[in-house]
Amino acid sequence: MRLCDLHPVERPRERLSRLGAGALADEELLALVLRSGCAGASALEVARALIAEFPGPRLGGAGPEGLRRVRGVGASRAAAVVAAAELGRRWALSCDEGLGVEDPGRVWELLHAVRSSRKEHFVALYLDGRNRLLHQETVSVGTLTASLVHPREVFGPAVERRAAAVIVAHNHPSGELRPSPEDLETTRRLAQAGRILGLPLLDHVIVTERGHLSFRREGRL
């Protein structure tokens, strides 16, 4: 059903004003972010198409180019969706800063956008003395190699932010959790650098949409 076919009080904007954002379905909230549709499709229909193409957290990690593959999503609408997803991620992180993140399952939860991305992201999590999250930073995007993930890129922000420990994580777009030789070598180099700097590498976590692997729990760290 198109927006114009809905009774005025049942349109997303009016429903939000009357009932609050929590009463709206995902497609209605996304339609408000899009603001308008395109020729032959309302904002609600474009929102449904986006959710069908990128279900769940995949929408936040699709990136502008991925979103633009959906009919009716141009550069402006794609940018609006990516910006909204990033705001949600940052606000979620700010709410979670008081919780310890040394558990690999917690790392998997925090990296909801990264784990569904079609590109490999290497992320560093900087922790305080109680293993609470101080800061999260994407170190590199692309195939994991030693040259892309240099210890200075990982530990530089840790020193600046007076972190007590570091956890690193990266996604495998293939869905394979088994670490590659590059994963093992990168972990070894980072762990060695952390020992020298007095900033322990607590874990390296591989994440996918369906699960995670902890180097620490596997006895590889």
N, C-alpha and C. Protein backbone atom coordinates (compact mmCIF):
# COMPACT_ATOMS: atom_id res chain seq x y z
N MET A 1 0.83 -1.19 0.00
CA MET A 1 0.00 0.00 0.00
C MET A 1 0.87 1.25 0.00
N ARG A 2 0.48 2.22 -0.83
CA ARG A 2 1.22 3.47 -0.90
C ARG A 2 0.80 4.39 0.24
N LEU A 3 1.67 5.37 0.56
CA LEU A 3 1.35 6.31 1.63
C LEU A 3 0.08 7.08 1.35
N CYS A 4 -0.11 7.44 0.07
CA CYS A 4 -1.29 8.23 -0.27
C CYS A 4 -2.58 7.43 -0.12
N ASP A 5 -2.46 6.10 -0.09
CA ASP A 5 -3.64 5.26 0.08
C ASP A 5 -4.02 5.09 1.55
N LEU A 6 -3.12 5.47 2.45
CA LEU A 6 -3.39 5.35 3.87
C LEU A 6 -4.22 6.53 4.36
N HIS A 7 -5.05 6.28 5.35
CA HIS A 7 -5.74 7.39 6.01
C HIS A 7 -4.68 8.27 6.65
N PRO A 8 -4.85 9.60 6.62
CA PRO A 8 -3.82 10.51 7.16
C PRO A 8 -3.32 10.13 8.55
N VAL A 9 -4.20 9.68 9.43
CA VAL A 9 -3.76 9.38 10.79
C VAL A 9 -2.95 8.09 10.87
N GLU A 10 -2.95 7.28 9.80
CA GLU A 10 -2.21 6.03 9.79
C GLU A 10 -0.88 6.14 9.06
N ARG A 11 -0.54 7.32 8.58
CA ARG A 11 0.75 7.50 7.92
C ARG A 11 1.86 7.55 8.97
N PRO A 12 3.07 7.11 8.60
CA PRO A 12 4.15 6.99 9.60
C PRO A 12 4.39 8.25 10.43
N ARG A 13 4.44 9.42 9.79
CA ARG A 13 4.73 10.64 10.54
C ARG A 13 3.65 10.93 11.58
N GLU A 14 2.40 10.74 11.18
CA GLU A 14 1.30 11.00 12.10
C GLU A 14 1.26 9.95 13.21
N ARG A 15 1.55 8.70 12.87
CA ARG A 15 1.56 7.64 13.88
C ARG A 15 2.67 7.87 14.89
N LEU A 16 3.82 8.34 14.43
CA LEU A 16 4.92 8.63 15.35
C LEU A 16 4.52 9.74 16.32
N SER A 17 3.90 10.79 15.79
CA SER A 17 3.48 11.90 16.66
C SER A 17 2.44 11.46 17.68
N ARG A 18 1.57 10.56 17.25
CA ARG A 18 0.45 10.16 18.10
C ARG A 18 0.81 9.05 19.07
N LEU A 19 1.65 8.08 18.63
CA LEU A 19 1.91 6.88 19.41
C LEU A 19 3.34 6.74 19.90
N GLY A 20 4.25 7.54 19.31
CA GLY A 20 5.66 7.40 19.66
C GLY A 20 6.38 6.49 18.68
N ALA A 21 7.71 6.64 18.59
CA ALA A 21 8.50 5.89 17.61
C ALA A 21 8.45 4.39 17.85
N GLY A 22 8.29 3.97 19.12
CA GLY A 22 8.28 2.55 19.43
C GLY A 22 7.13 1.79 18.82
N ALA A 23 6.08 2.51 18.42
CA ALA A 23 4.90 1.86 17.85
C ALA A 23 5.04 1.59 16.37
N LEU A 24 6.07 2.16 15.73
CA LEU A 24 6.24 2.04 14.29
C LEU A 24 7.03 0.80 13.93
N ALA A 25 6.67 0.18 12.79
CA ALA A 25 7.43 -0.94 12.25
C ALA A 25 8.73 -0.42 11.64
N ASP A 26 9.68 -1.35 11.42
CA ASP A 26 10.96 -0.95 10.84
C ASP A 26 10.78 -0.21 9.52
N GLU A 27 9.88 -0.71 8.68
CA GLU A 27 9.70 -0.09 7.36
C GLU A 27 9.14 1.32 7.48
N GLU A 28 8.32 1.57 8.51
CA GLU A 28 7.78 2.92 8.71
C GLU A 28 8.87 3.88 9.17
N LEU A 29 9.71 3.43 10.10
CA LEU A 29 10.82 4.28 10.56
C LEU A 29 11.77 4.59 9.41
N LEU A 30 12.06 3.58 8.60
CA LEU A 30 12.96 3.79 7.47
C LEU A 30 12.34 4.72 6.44
N ALA A 31 11.04 4.63 6.25
CA ALA A 31 10.36 5.53 5.31
C ALA A 31 10.50 6.99 5.76
N LEU A 32 10.48 7.23 7.07
CA LEU A 32 10.66 8.58 7.57
C LEU A 32 12.08 9.09 7.32
N VAL A 33 13.06 8.18 7.38
CA VAL A 33 14.44 8.56 7.06
C VAL A 33 14.56 8.91 5.57
N LEU A 34 13.91 8.12 4.72
CA LEU A 34 13.97 8.35 3.27
C LEU A 34 13.23 9.62 2.87
N ARG A 35 12.15 9.94 3.59
CA ARG A 35 11.34 11.14 3.42
C ARG A 35 10.41 11.09 2.21
N SER A 36 10.86 10.52 1.10
CA SER A 36 10.01 10.46 -0.09
C SER A 36 10.37 9.22 -0.90
N GLY A 37 9.50 8.87 -1.82
CA GLY A 37 9.74 7.72 -2.67
C GLY A 37 10.28 8.14 -4.02
N CYS A 38 9.89 7.40 -5.04
CA CYS A 38 10.33 7.70 -6.39
C CYS A 38 9.15 7.44 -7.32
N ALA A 39 9.37 7.61 -8.60
CA ALA A 39 8.30 7.40 -9.57
C ALA A 39 7.78 5.97 -9.47
N GLY A 40 6.52 5.83 -9.14
CA GLY A 40 5.91 4.52 -9.07
C GLY A 40 6.07 3.79 -7.77
N ALA A 41 6.75 4.39 -6.79
CA ALA A 41 6.95 3.72 -5.50
C ALA A 41 7.00 4.76 -4.38
N SER A 42 6.25 4.52 -3.34
CA SER A 42 6.24 5.43 -2.19
C SER A 42 7.48 5.20 -1.33
N ALA A 43 7.68 6.09 -0.36
CA ALA A 43 8.79 5.92 0.58
C ALA A 43 8.64 4.61 1.34
N LEU A 44 7.41 4.23 1.65
CA LEU A 44 7.17 2.99 2.38
C LEU A 44 7.55 1.78 1.53
N GLU A 45 7.26 1.84 0.25
CA GLU A 45 7.60 0.73 -0.64
C GLU A 45 9.11 0.62 -0.85
N VAL A 46 9.77 1.77 -0.96
CA VAL A 46 11.24 1.76 -1.09
C VAL A 46 11.85 1.20 0.19
N ALA A 47 11.29 1.59 1.33
CA ALA A 47 11.80 1.08 2.61
C ALA A 47 11.65 -0.43 2.69
N ARG A 48 10.51 -0.96 2.24
CA ARG A 48 10.30 -2.41 2.25
C ARG A 48 11.32 -3.11 1.36
N ALA A 49 11.61 -2.51 0.19
CA ALA A 49 12.58 -3.10 -0.72
C ALA A 49 13.98 -3.13 -0.11
N LEU A 50 14.33 -2.06 0.61
CA LEU A 50 15.64 -2.01 1.27
C LEU A 50 15.75 -3.09 2.34
N ILE A 51 14.72 -3.24 3.15
CA ILE A 51 14.74 -4.22 4.23
C ILE A 51 14.77 -5.64 3.67
N ALA A 52 14.07 -5.85 2.55
CA ALA A 52 14.10 -7.17 1.92
C ALA A 52 15.48 -7.51 1.37
N GLU A 53 16.16 -6.50 0.81
CA GLU A 53 17.49 -6.71 0.24
C GLU A 53 18.55 -6.82 1.32
N PHE A 54 18.41 -6.03 2.38
CA PHE A 54 19.40 -6.00 3.46
C PHE A 54 18.70 -6.22 4.80
N PRO A 55 18.33 -7.46 5.12
CA PRO A 55 17.59 -7.71 6.37
C PRO A 55 18.45 -7.50 7.61
N GLY A 56 17.79 -7.09 8.68
CA GLY A 56 18.46 -6.95 9.97
C GLY A 56 19.63 -5.99 9.92
N PRO A 57 20.73 -6.33 10.62
CA PRO A 57 21.87 -5.42 10.71
C PRO A 57 22.62 -5.21 9.39
N ARG A 58 22.31 -6.02 8.36
CA ARG A 58 23.00 -5.85 7.08
C ARG A 58 22.73 -4.48 6.48
N LEU A 59 21.59 -3.88 6.81
CA LEU A 59 21.26 -2.56 6.25
C LEU A 59 22.29 -1.52 6.67
N GLY A 60 22.71 -1.58 7.94
CA GLY A 60 23.68 -0.61 8.44
C GLY A 60 25.07 -0.78 7.85
N GLY A 61 25.39 -2.00 7.42
CA GLY A 61 26.73 -2.25 6.89
C GLY A 61 26.81 -2.29 5.38
N ALA A 62 25.69 -2.03 4.70
CA ALA A 62 25.68 -2.16 3.24
C ALA A 62 26.50 -1.07 2.55
N GLY A 63 26.56 0.12 3.15
CA GLY A 63 27.30 1.23 2.54
C GLY A 63 26.48 1.89 1.44
N PRO A 64 26.83 3.13 1.09
CA PRO A 64 26.06 3.87 0.08
C PRO A 64 25.94 3.16 -1.26
N GLU A 65 27.03 2.58 -1.72
CA GLU A 65 26.99 1.93 -3.03
C GLU A 65 26.06 0.72 -3.03
N GLY A 66 26.10 -0.05 -1.94
CA GLY A 66 25.21 -1.20 -1.85
C GLY A 66 23.75 -0.79 -1.81
N LEU A 67 23.44 0.24 -1.03
CA LEU A 67 22.05 0.69 -0.92
C LEU A 67 21.51 1.22 -2.24
N ARG A 68 22.38 1.82 -3.03
CA ARG A 68 21.93 2.42 -4.29
C ARG A 68 21.55 1.39 -5.35
N ARG A 69 21.80 0.14 -5.07
CA ARG A 69 21.36 -0.91 -6.00
C ARG A 69 19.85 -1.10 -5.95
N VAL A 70 19.23 -0.63 -4.88
CA VAL A 70 17.78 -0.75 -4.74
C VAL A 70 17.09 0.39 -5.48
N ARG A 71 16.10 0.06 -6.29
CA ARG A 71 15.39 1.07 -7.07
C ARG A 71 14.78 2.13 -6.15
N GLY A 72 15.01 3.40 -6.51
CA GLY A 72 14.47 4.50 -5.74
C GLY A 72 15.44 5.07 -4.71
N VAL A 73 16.61 4.44 -4.56
CA VAL A 73 17.60 4.92 -3.59
C VAL A 73 18.76 5.55 -4.34
N GLY A 74 18.80 6.88 -4.30
CA GLY A 74 19.91 7.60 -4.92
C GLY A 74 20.95 7.97 -3.89
N ALA A 75 21.85 8.84 -4.28
CA ALA A 75 22.96 9.21 -3.39
C ALA A 75 22.46 9.86 -2.11
N SER A 76 21.47 10.74 -2.22
CA SER A 76 20.98 11.46 -1.03
C SER A 76 20.29 10.51 -0.05
N ARG A 77 19.41 9.64 -0.56
CA ARG A 77 18.71 8.72 0.33
C ARG A 77 19.68 7.70 0.94
N ALA A 78 20.62 7.23 0.14
CA ALA A 78 21.61 6.28 0.67
C ALA A 78 22.42 6.91 1.79
N ALA A 79 22.83 8.17 1.60
CA ALA A 79 23.60 8.87 2.63
C ALA A 79 22.78 9.03 3.90
N ALA A 80 21.49 9.32 3.76
CA ALA A 80 20.63 9.49 4.94
C ALA A 80 20.51 8.19 5.73
N VAL A 81 20.36 7.06 5.03
CA VAL A 81 20.23 5.77 5.71
C VAL A 81 21.53 5.41 6.42
N VAL A 82 22.67 5.60 5.74
CA VAL A 82 23.96 5.28 6.35
C VAL A 82 24.20 6.16 7.58
N ALA A 83 23.85 7.45 7.47
CA ALA A 83 24.04 8.36 8.60
C ALA A 83 23.17 7.96 9.78
N ALA A 84 21.92 7.58 9.52
CA ALA A 84 21.02 7.16 10.60
C ALA A 84 21.54 5.90 11.27
N ALA A 85 22.04 4.95 10.48
CA ALA A 85 22.58 3.71 11.04
C ALA A 85 23.81 3.99 11.90
N GLU A 86 24.67 4.90 11.45
CA GLU A 86 25.87 5.23 12.22
C GLU A 86 25.52 5.93 13.52
N LEU A 87 24.53 6.83 13.49
CA LEU A 87 24.08 7.48 14.73
C LEU A 87 23.57 6.44 15.73
N GLY A 88 22.77 5.49 15.23
CA GLY A 88 22.27 4.44 16.11
C GLY A 88 23.40 3.62 16.72
N ARG A 89 24.41 3.31 15.89
CA ARG A 89 25.56 2.54 16.39
C ARG A 89 26.30 3.31 17.48
N ARG A 90 26.53 4.61 17.24
CA ARG A 90 27.27 5.40 18.22
C ARG A 90 26.50 5.56 19.51
N TRP A 91 25.20 5.78 19.42
CA TRP A 91 24.40 5.91 20.63
C TRP A 91 24.36 4.59 21.40
N ALA A 92 24.30 3.47 20.67
CA ALA A 92 24.32 2.17 21.34
C ALA A 92 25.63 1.97 22.08
N LEU A 93 26.73 2.38 21.45
CA LEU A 93 28.03 2.25 22.10
C LEU A 93 28.10 3.11 23.35
N SER A 94 27.57 4.33 23.29
CA SER A 94 27.63 5.23 24.44
C SER A 94 26.82 4.66 25.60
N CYS A 95 25.74 3.96 25.31
CA CYS A 95 24.93 3.33 26.37
C CYS A 95 25.64 2.12 26.96
N ASP A 96 26.52 1.50 26.18
CA ASP A 96 27.17 0.27 26.60
C ASP A 96 28.54 0.49 27.23
N GLU A 97 28.98 1.75 27.32
CA GLU A 97 30.35 2.00 27.75
C GLU A 97 30.61 1.53 29.17
N GLY A 98 29.57 1.42 29.99
CA GLY A 98 29.78 0.98 31.36
C GLY A 98 29.87 -0.52 31.50
N LEU A 99 29.70 -1.27 30.44
CA LEU A 99 29.71 -2.73 30.50
C LEU A 99 31.04 -3.27 30.02
N GLY A 100 31.52 -4.32 30.69
CA GLY A 100 32.76 -4.95 30.25
C GLY A 100 32.57 -5.65 28.92
N VAL A 101 33.60 -5.63 28.09
CA VAL A 101 33.48 -6.21 26.75
C VAL A 101 34.54 -7.28 26.51
N GLU A 102 35.11 -7.84 27.60
CA GLU A 102 36.14 -8.85 27.40
C GLU A 102 35.58 -10.16 26.88
N ASP A 103 34.28 -10.37 27.02
CA ASP A 103 33.66 -11.59 26.51
C ASP A 103 33.51 -11.50 25.00
N PRO A 104 33.95 -12.52 24.24
CA PRO A 104 33.86 -12.45 22.78
C PRO A 104 32.43 -12.34 22.27
N GLY A 105 31.47 -12.86 23.00
CA GLY A 105 30.08 -12.69 22.61
C GLY A 105 29.65 -11.25 22.67
N ARG A 106 30.19 -10.52 23.63
CA ARG A 106 29.90 -9.08 23.74
C ARG A 106 30.52 -8.33 22.57
N VAL A 107 31.72 -8.72 22.18
CA VAL A 107 32.37 -8.10 21.01
C VAL A 107 31.51 -8.34 19.77
N TRP A 108 31.02 -9.55 19.61
CA TRP A 108 30.16 -9.88 18.46
C TRP A 108 28.93 -8.99 18.43
N GLU A 109 28.33 -8.74 19.60
CA GLU A 109 27.15 -7.88 19.67
C GLU A 109 27.48 -6.45 19.26
N LEU A 110 28.62 -5.95 19.72
CA LEU A 110 28.99 -4.57 19.42
C LEU A 110 29.26 -4.36 17.94
N LEU A 111 29.74 -5.38 17.26
CA LEU A 111 30.13 -5.23 15.86
C LEU A 111 29.02 -5.68 14.92
N HIS A 112 27.79 -5.32 15.24
CA HIS A 112 26.65 -5.79 14.43
C HIS A 112 26.73 -5.31 13.00
N ALA A 113 27.19 -4.09 12.77
CA ALA A 113 27.28 -3.57 11.40
C ALA A 113 28.45 -4.19 10.65
N VAL A 114 29.56 -4.37 11.35
CA VAL A 114 30.77 -4.91 10.73
C VAL A 114 30.58 -6.36 10.32
N ARG A 115 29.95 -7.15 11.16
CA ARG A 115 29.88 -8.59 10.90
C ARG A 115 29.05 -8.92 9.67
N SER A 116 28.20 -8.00 9.22
CA SER A 116 27.38 -8.25 8.03
C SER A 116 27.92 -7.56 6.79
N SER A 117 29.07 -6.88 6.92
CA SER A 117 29.62 -6.15 5.78
C SER A 117 30.20 -7.10 4.74
N ARG A 118 30.16 -6.68 3.50
CA ARG A 118 30.74 -7.49 2.42
C ARG A 118 32.23 -7.22 2.24
N LYS A 119 32.75 -6.25 3.01
CA LYS A 119 34.18 -5.99 3.01
C LYS A 119 34.74 -6.34 4.38
N GLU A 120 36.00 -6.72 4.41
CA GLU A 120 36.65 -7.09 5.66
C GLU A 120 37.05 -5.82 6.41
N HIS A 121 36.59 -5.70 7.65
CA HIS A 121 36.92 -4.57 8.52
C HIS A 121 37.75 -5.08 9.69
N PHE A 122 38.84 -4.40 9.99
CA PHE A 122 39.65 -4.72 11.16
C PHE A 122 39.43 -3.61 12.18
N VAL A 123 38.94 -3.98 13.36
CA VAL A 123 38.50 -3.01 14.36
C VAL A 123 39.28 -3.22 15.65
N ALA A 124 39.63 -2.12 16.31
CA ALA A 124 40.28 -2.20 17.61
C ALA A 124 39.34 -1.62 18.68
N LEU A 125 39.23 -2.33 19.80
CA LEU A 125 38.44 -1.88 20.93
C LEU A 125 39.40 -1.56 22.07
N TYR A 126 39.33 -0.34 22.59
CA TYR A 126 40.25 0.12 23.63
C TYR A 126 39.51 0.12 24.98
N LEU A 127 40.09 -0.55 25.96
CA LEU A 127 39.42 -0.79 27.23
C LEU A 127 40.15 -0.10 28.38
N ASP A 128 39.38 0.22 29.43
CA ASP A 128 39.99 0.77 30.64
C ASP A 128 40.40 -0.36 31.57
N GLY A 129 40.80 -0.03 32.78
CA GLY A 129 41.30 -1.03 33.71
C GLY A 129 40.26 -2.03 34.17
N ARG A 130 38.97 -1.71 33.95
CA ARG A 130 37.89 -2.64 34.32
C ARG A 130 37.28 -3.29 33.08
N ASN A 131 38.02 -3.24 32.00
CA ASN A 131 37.61 -3.83 30.72
C ASN A 131 36.32 -3.21 30.17
N ARG A 132 36.10 -1.94 30.46
CA ARG A 132 34.98 -1.20 29.89
C ARG A 132 35.45 -0.49 28.63
N LEU A 133 34.56 -0.36 27.67
CA LEU A 133 34.93 0.22 26.38
C LEU A 133 35.18 1.72 26.50
N LEU A 134 36.38 2.14 26.10
CA LEU A 134 36.71 3.55 26.01
C LEU A 134 36.46 4.11 24.62
N HIS A 135 36.82 3.29 23.62
CA HIS A 135 36.76 3.78 22.24
C HIS A 135 36.82 2.60 21.29
N GLN A 136 36.17 2.75 20.15
CA GLN A 136 36.23 1.74 19.08
C GLN A 136 36.70 2.43 17.81
N GLU A 137 37.63 1.82 17.12
CA GLU A 137 38.18 2.44 15.91
C GLU A 137 38.40 1.40 14.81
N THR A 138 37.99 1.74 13.59
CA THR A 138 38.26 0.89 12.44
C THR A 138 39.67 1.17 11.95
N VAL A 139 40.52 0.16 12.02
CA VAL A 139 41.93 0.31 11.66
C VAL A 139 42.13 0.20 10.16
N SER A 140 41.42 -0.74 9.52
CA SER A 140 41.57 -0.90 8.08
C SER A 140 40.32 -1.53 7.50
N VAL A 141 40.13 -1.32 6.21
CA VAL A 141 39.04 -1.93 5.46
C VAL A 141 39.66 -2.57 4.23
N GLY A 142 39.43 -3.86 4.05
CA GLY A 142 40.02 -4.57 2.93
C GLY A 142 40.58 -5.89 3.40
N THR A 143 41.22 -6.62 2.51
CA THR A 143 41.79 -7.91 2.87
C THR A 143 42.85 -7.75 3.94
N LEU A 144 42.78 -8.58 4.97
CA LEU A 144 43.71 -8.48 6.08
C LEU A 144 45.12 -8.91 5.67
N THR A 145 46.07 -7.99 5.83
CA THR A 145 47.48 -8.30 5.61
C THR A 145 48.28 -7.59 6.69
N ALA A 146 49.52 -8.01 6.87
CA ALA A 146 50.37 -7.41 7.90
C ALA A 146 50.61 -5.94 7.61
N SER A 147 50.67 -5.57 6.32
CA SER A 147 50.93 -4.18 5.97
C SER A 147 49.76 -3.28 6.29
N LEU A 148 48.52 -3.81 6.20
CA LEU A 148 47.33 -3.01 6.50
C LEU A 148 47.12 -2.85 8.00
N VAL A 149 47.51 -3.85 8.78
CA VAL A 149 47.30 -3.81 10.22
C VAL A 149 48.66 -3.78 10.91
N HIS A 150 49.24 -2.60 10.96
CA HIS A 150 50.53 -2.43 11.61
C HIS A 150 50.30 -2.14 13.08
N PRO A 151 51.18 -2.63 13.97
CA PRO A 151 51.00 -2.36 15.40
C PRO A 151 50.83 -0.89 15.74
N ARG A 152 51.50 0.02 15.03
CA ARG A 152 51.36 1.44 15.38
C ARG A 152 49.95 1.94 15.13
N GLU A 153 49.26 1.38 14.10
CA GLU A 153 47.89 1.79 13.82
C GLU A 153 46.92 1.29 14.89
N VAL A 154 47.26 0.17 15.50
CA VAL A 154 46.40 -0.40 16.54
C VAL A 154 46.69 0.22 17.90
N PHE A 155 47.96 0.36 18.26
CA PHE A 155 48.31 0.78 19.61
C PHE A 155 48.48 2.29 19.77
N GLY A 156 48.63 3.01 18.65
CA GLY A 156 48.74 4.47 18.76
C GLY A 156 47.54 5.08 19.49
N PRO A 157 46.30 4.80 19.06
CA PRO A 157 45.14 5.34 19.77
C PRO A 157 45.04 4.85 21.21
N ALA A 158 45.54 3.65 21.48
CA ALA A 158 45.50 3.12 22.85
C ALA A 158 46.34 3.98 23.78
N VAL A 159 47.51 4.38 23.30
CA VAL A 159 48.39 5.25 24.10
C VAL A 159 47.75 6.61 24.29
N GLU A 160 47.19 7.18 23.22
CA GLU A 160 46.57 8.50 23.29
C GLU A 160 45.41 8.53 24.27
N ARG A 161 44.65 7.45 24.32
CA ARG A 161 43.46 7.41 25.17
C ARG A 161 43.72 6.76 26.52
N ARG A 162 44.97 6.47 26.82
CA ARG A 162 45.37 5.87 28.10
C ARG A 162 44.60 4.58 28.38
N ALA A 163 44.46 3.79 27.35
CA ALA A 163 43.78 2.50 27.50
C ALA A 163 44.65 1.54 28.30
N ALA A 164 43.99 0.60 28.96
CA ALA A 164 44.71 -0.41 29.75
C ALA A 164 44.90 -1.70 28.98
N ALA A 165 44.07 -1.94 27.98
CA ALA A 165 44.15 -3.18 27.21
C ALA A 165 43.44 -2.98 25.87
N VAL A 166 43.68 -3.92 24.97
CA VAL A 166 43.13 -3.83 23.62
C VAL A 166 42.53 -5.18 23.22
N ILE A 167 41.41 -5.12 22.53
CA ILE A 167 40.86 -6.28 21.84
C ILE A 167 40.74 -5.91 20.37
N VAL A 168 41.14 -6.80 19.49
CA VAL A 168 40.96 -6.54 18.06
C VAL A 168 39.97 -7.55 17.51
N ALA A 169 39.33 -7.19 16.43
CA ALA A 169 38.33 -8.07 15.82
C ALA A 169 38.25 -7.75 14.33
N HIS A 170 37.87 -8.74 13.56
CA HIS A 170 37.59 -8.48 12.15
C HIS A 170 36.56 -9.48 11.66
N ASN A 171 35.88 -9.09 10.60
CA ASN A 171 34.83 -9.95 10.05
C ASN A 171 35.35 -10.77 8.88
N HIS A 172 34.73 -11.89 8.65
CA HIS A 172 34.97 -12.72 7.47
C HIS A 172 33.69 -12.70 6.63
N PRO A 173 33.65 -11.90 5.56
CA PRO A 173 32.44 -11.85 4.72
C PRO A 173 32.01 -13.20 4.18
N SER A 174 32.95 -14.13 4.05
CA SER A 174 32.63 -15.47 3.53
C SER A 174 31.79 -16.28 4.51
N GLY A 175 31.79 -15.88 5.79
CA GLY A 175 31.10 -16.65 6.80
C GLY A 175 31.96 -17.72 7.45
N GLU A 176 33.18 -17.91 6.96
CA GLU A 176 34.10 -18.91 7.50
C GLU A 176 34.76 -18.36 8.76
N LEU A 177 34.68 -19.10 9.86
CA LEU A 177 35.25 -18.65 11.13
C LEU A 177 36.70 -19.07 11.32
N ARG A 178 37.15 -20.05 10.58
CA ARG A 178 38.52 -20.55 10.75
C ARG A 178 39.53 -19.46 10.42
N PRO A 179 40.51 -19.18 11.29
CA PRO A 179 41.50 -18.13 11.01
C PRO A 179 42.43 -18.52 9.87
N SER A 180 42.79 -17.52 9.08
CA SER A 180 43.72 -17.73 7.98
C SER A 180 45.16 -17.59 8.50
N PRO A 181 46.16 -18.00 7.70
CA PRO A 181 47.55 -17.77 8.12
C PRO A 181 47.84 -16.30 8.39
N GLU A 182 47.23 -15.39 7.59
CA GLU A 182 47.41 -13.95 7.82
C GLU A 182 46.83 -13.53 9.16
N ASP A 183 45.68 -14.10 9.51
CA ASP A 183 45.07 -13.80 10.81
C ASP A 183 46.01 -14.19 11.94
N LEU A 184 46.60 -15.37 11.84
CA LEU A 184 47.48 -15.87 12.89
C LEU A 184 48.74 -15.02 13.01
N GLU A 185 49.32 -14.65 11.86
CA GLU A 185 50.55 -13.85 11.89
C GLU A 185 50.27 -12.45 12.43
N THR A 186 49.17 -11.85 12.02
CA THR A 186 48.82 -10.52 12.52
C THR A 186 48.61 -10.55 14.02
N THR A 187 47.94 -11.57 14.52
CA THR A 187 47.70 -11.71 15.95
C THR A 187 49.01 -11.84 16.71
N ARG A 188 49.92 -12.65 16.18
CA ARG A 188 51.21 -12.85 16.84
C ARG A 188 51.97 -11.53 16.95
N ARG A 189 52.00 -10.76 15.87
CA ARG A 189 52.73 -9.49 15.86
C ARG A 189 52.10 -8.48 16.81
N LEU A 190 50.79 -8.42 16.85
CA LEU A 190 50.11 -7.48 17.73
C LEU A 190 50.29 -7.85 19.19
N ALA A 191 50.22 -9.14 19.49
CA ALA A 191 50.41 -9.59 20.87
C ALA A 191 51.83 -9.26 21.35
N GLN A 192 52.79 -9.45 20.47
CA GLN A 192 54.19 -9.14 20.82
C GLN A 192 54.35 -7.65 21.06
N ALA A 193 53.78 -6.82 20.19
CA ALA A 193 53.87 -5.37 20.36
C ALA A 193 53.18 -4.93 21.65
N GLY A 194 52.06 -5.54 21.97
CA GLY A 194 51.35 -5.18 23.19
C GLY A 194 52.16 -5.49 24.44
N ARG A 195 52.87 -6.61 24.42
CA ARG A 195 53.70 -6.97 25.58
C ARG A 195 54.82 -5.95 25.76
N ILE A 196 55.41 -5.51 24.66
CA ILE A 196 56.49 -4.52 24.74
C ILE A 196 55.98 -3.20 25.30
N LEU A 197 54.77 -2.79 24.88
CA LEU A 197 54.20 -1.51 25.29
C LEU A 197 53.51 -1.57 26.64
N GLY A 198 53.32 -2.76 27.17
CA GLY A 198 52.58 -2.88 28.41
C GLY A 198 51.09 -2.69 28.21
N LEU A 199 50.60 -2.95 27.00
CA LEU A 199 49.17 -2.85 26.66
C LEU A 199 48.73 -4.22 26.14
N PRO A 200 48.29 -5.08 27.01
CA PRO A 200 48.01 -6.46 26.58
C PRO A 200 46.91 -6.55 25.54
N LEU A 201 47.14 -7.43 24.58
CA LEU A 201 46.10 -7.78 23.61
C LEU A 201 45.28 -8.90 24.24
N LEU A 202 44.08 -8.56 24.71
CA LEU A 202 43.26 -9.54 25.42
C LEU A 202 42.68 -10.61 24.52
N ASP A 203 42.36 -10.24 23.29
CA ASP A 203 41.73 -11.21 22.40
C ASP A 203 41.74 -10.69 20.98
N HIS A 204 41.59 -11.61 20.05
CA HIS A 204 41.32 -11.31 18.65
C HIS A 204 40.09 -12.14 18.31
N VAL A 205 39.04 -11.46 17.88
CA VAL A 205 37.76 -12.12 17.64
C VAL A 205 37.41 -12.03 16.16
N ILE A 206 37.15 -13.16 15.54
CA ILE A 206 36.63 -13.19 14.17
C ILE A 206 35.11 -13.25 14.26
N VAL A 207 34.44 -12.38 13.52
CA VAL A 207 32.98 -12.33 13.59
C VAL A 207 32.37 -12.55 12.21
N THR A 208 31.23 -13.21 12.20
CA THR A 208 30.42 -13.35 10.99
C THR A 208 28.97 -13.07 11.40
N GLU A 209 28.07 -13.10 10.44
CA GLU A 209 26.67 -12.88 10.77
C GLU A 209 26.14 -13.92 11.73
N ARG A 210 26.68 -15.13 11.69
CA ARG A 210 26.11 -16.24 12.46
C ARG A 210 26.88 -16.59 13.73
N GLY A 211 28.11 -16.08 13.89
CA GLY A 211 28.86 -16.48 15.07
C GLY A 211 30.19 -15.78 15.19
N HIS A 212 31.03 -16.29 16.08
CA HIS A 212 32.33 -15.68 16.32
C HIS A 212 33.33 -16.74 16.77
N LEU A 213 34.61 -16.40 16.65
CA LEU A 213 35.70 -17.25 17.12
C LEU A 213 36.66 -16.39 17.92
N SER A 214 36.99 -16.83 19.13
CA SER A 214 37.91 -16.12 20.01
C SER A 214 39.27 -16.79 19.99
N PHE A 215 40.31 -16.05 19.63
CA PHE A 215 41.67 -16.59 19.65
C PHE A 215 42.06 -17.00 21.07
N ARG A 216 41.62 -16.21 22.05
CA ARG A 216 41.95 -16.52 23.45
C ARG A 216 41.34 -17.85 23.86
N ARG A 217 40.07 -18.03 23.56
CA ARG A 217 39.40 -19.29 23.94
C ARG A 217 39.91 -20.48 23.16
N GLU A 218 40.42 -20.21 21.97
CA GLU A 218 40.98 -21.30 21.15
C GLU A 218 42.41 -21.63 21.55
N GLY A 219 42.97 -20.89 22.51
CA GLY A 219 44.34 -21.12 22.95
C GLY A 219 45.38 -20.63 21.97
N ARG A 220 44.99 -19.68 21.11
CA ARG A 220 45.93 -19.14 20.11
C ARG A 220 46.50 -17.80 20.52
N LEU A 221 46.21 -17.37 21.73
CA LEU A 221 46.69 -16.06 22.19
C LEU A 221 47.10 -16.17 23.65
